């Protein structure tokens, strides 16, 4: 059986880390500032009471700790949890997959995620930092 791109992506989920990180993203009303609470080199989850529709393309500004300026990324909303409809273990918000990210930015995000994963190993209780 041939491997389809969908199967490859599903089996190749990037390591992620629970971490609060301020983000700004484009919406119909301009730029909105919220908190990302889950980050990987492939995307992030943004806490918001007003998630954008699935497949919406957004411009995201993320300031990684230690960076002198924000990283600008392009993303696509892949999943949403509406306020009141989110499962008990998940806050309302939206999952955003990074798209058209150059190797340098993807590498910087990946290094940041790996540094946090080393600092807060998965065996320890989920650590959330600001």
Protein backbone atom coordinates (compact mmCIF):
# COMPACT_ATOMS: atom_id res chain seq x y z
CA UNK A 1 0.00 0.00 0.00
CA UNK A 2 1.41 3.38 -1.00
CA UNK A 3 2.02 6.01 1.65
CA UNK A 4 -0.18 9.06 1.11
CA UNK A 5 0.93 12.56 2.17
CA UNK A 6 -1.87 12.61 4.78
CA UNK A 7 -0.57 9.43 6.42
CA UNK A 8 3.00 10.70 6.35
CA UNK A 9 2.03 13.94 8.09
CA UNK A 10 -0.08 12.16 10.71
CA UNK A 11 2.79 9.80 11.61
CA UNK A 12 5.38 12.57 11.50
CA UNK A 13 3.90 14.91 14.14
CA UNK A 14 6.60 17.28 15.39
CA UNK A 15 7.54 17.20 19.09
CA UNK A 16 5.69 19.92 20.97
CA UNK A 17 5.96 21.70 24.26
CA UNK A 18 3.43 23.32 26.59
CA UNK A 19 4.61 26.92 26.99
CA UNK A 20 2.85 30.30 27.16
CA UNK A 21 4.11 32.62 24.47
CA UNK A 22 2.59 35.95 23.39
CA UNK A 23 1.58 36.01 19.72
CA UNK A 24 -0.06 38.52 17.41
CA UNK A 25 -1.97 37.37 14.36
CA UNK A 26 -4.01 38.92 11.58
CA UNK A 27 -7.78 38.79 11.67
CA UNK A 28 -10.62 40.60 9.96
CA UNK A 29 -10.39 43.42 12.53
CA UNK A 30 -6.59 43.82 12.26
CA UNK A 31 -3.93 42.32 14.49
CA UNK A 32 -5.04 40.49 17.64
CA UNK A 33 -2.76 39.61 20.56
CA UNK A 34 -3.32 36.33 22.43
CA UNK A 35 -1.29 33.56 24.05
CA UNK A 36 0.02 30.46 22.31
CA UNK A 37 0.05 27.61 24.82
CA UNK A 38 1.44 24.75 22.78
CA UNK A 39 4.32 25.06 20.33
CA UNK A 40 6.17 22.83 17.87
CA UNK A 41 8.40 23.60 14.92
CA UNK A 42 5.34 22.90 12.75
CA UNK A 43 2.72 25.06 14.44
CA UNK A 44 1.08 26.31 17.61
CA UNK A 45 -2.19 26.41 19.52
CA UNK A 46 -3.56 29.87 20.34
CA UNK A 47 -5.95 30.44 23.24
CA UNK A 48 -8.77 32.65 21.99
CA UNK A 49 -12.48 33.01 22.59
CA UNK A 50 -12.89 33.93 18.89
CA UNK A 51 -11.06 31.35 16.77
CA UNK A 52 -10.83 32.03 13.05
CA UNK A 53 -12.47 29.56 10.64
CA UNK A 54 -10.57 26.43 9.62
CA UNK A 55 -8.37 27.00 6.53
CA UNK A 56 -8.01 30.74 7.26
CA UNK A 57 -4.48 31.88 6.35
CA UNK A 58 -2.97 34.18 8.99
CA UNK A 59 0.17 36.23 9.48
CA UNK A 60 1.67 35.50 12.90
CA UNK A 61 4.24 37.46 14.90
CA UNK A 62 5.99 35.39 17.59
CA UNK A 63 8.65 36.75 19.91
CA UNK A 64 10.87 33.93 21.10
CA UNK A 65 12.60 34.55 24.44
CA UNK A 66 16.10 35.87 23.83
CA UNK A 67 15.25 37.13 20.35
CA UNK A 68 15.70 40.82 19.61
CA UNK A 69 12.70 41.03 17.30
CA UNK A 70 9.56 39.00 16.50
CA UNK A 71 9.60 36.17 13.97
CA UNK A 72 7.00 36.68 11.25
CA UNK A 73 5.34 33.48 10.07
CA UNK A 74 2.49 32.47 7.80
CA UNK A 75 0.02 29.91 9.12
CA UNK A 76 -3.22 28.15 8.34
CA UNK A 77 -5.91 27.36 10.92
CA UNK A 78 -6.30 23.57 11.00
CA UNK A 79 -8.62 23.04 13.98
CA UNK A 80 -10.77 25.13 16.33
CA UNK A 81 -12.39 24.73 19.73
CA UNK A 82 -15.22 27.24 20.15
CA UNK A 83 -15.97 28.76 23.55
CA UNK A 84 -18.38 26.44 25.35
CA UNK A 85 -17.82 23.63 22.85
CA UNK A 86 -14.21 22.80 23.75
CA UNK A 87 -13.56 19.48 25.53
CA UNK A 88 -13.09 19.85 29.30
CA UNK A 89 -9.33 19.33 28.99
CA UNK A 90 -8.82 21.96 26.28
CA UNK A 91 -9.26 25.71 26.27
CA UNK A 92 -11.09 27.47 23.45
CA UNK A 93 -8.81 28.43 20.61
CA UNK A 94 -7.30 27.35 17.33
CA UNK A 95 -4.48 25.19 16.06
CA UNK A 96 -2.34 26.91 13.44
CA UNK A 97 0.04 25.05 11.14
CA UNK A 98 3.02 27.02 9.85
CA UNK A 99 3.15 27.22 6.04
CA UNK A 100 5.82 28.54 3.67
CA UNK A 101 8.36 28.84 6.51
CA UNK A 102 11.99 29.14 5.46
CA UNK A 103 14.58 26.75 6.89
CA UNK A 104 16.16 29.40 9.14
CA UNK A 105 12.90 30.26 10.92
CA UNK A 106 11.84 26.60 11.20
CA UNK A 107 15.27 25.77 12.63
CA UNK A 108 15.10 28.61 15.19
CA UNK A 109 11.65 27.51 16.34
CA UNK A 110 12.74 23.87 16.46
CA UNK A 111 15.81 24.74 18.55
CA UNK A 112 13.64 26.74 20.96
CA UNK A 113 11.16 23.84 21.32
CA UNK A 114 13.97 21.33 21.92
CA UNK A 115 15.59 23.62 24.52
CA UNK A 116 12.27 23.85 26.40
CA UNK A 117 11.67 20.09 26.12
CA UNK A 118 15.09 19.50 27.68
CA UNK A 119 14.37 22.05 30.41
CA UNK A 120 10.87 20.68 31.13
CA UNK A 121 10.94 16.95 30.28
CA UNK A 122 7.59 15.26 29.51
CA UNK A 123 7.86 13.07 32.64
CA UNK A 124 7.68 16.19 34.83
CA UNK A 125 4.29 17.83 35.42
CA UNK A 126 3.38 20.10 32.50
CA UNK A 127 5.28 23.31 33.11
CA UNK A 128 3.80 26.54 31.83
CA UNK A 129 6.03 29.60 31.77
CA UNK A 130 5.53 33.20 30.78
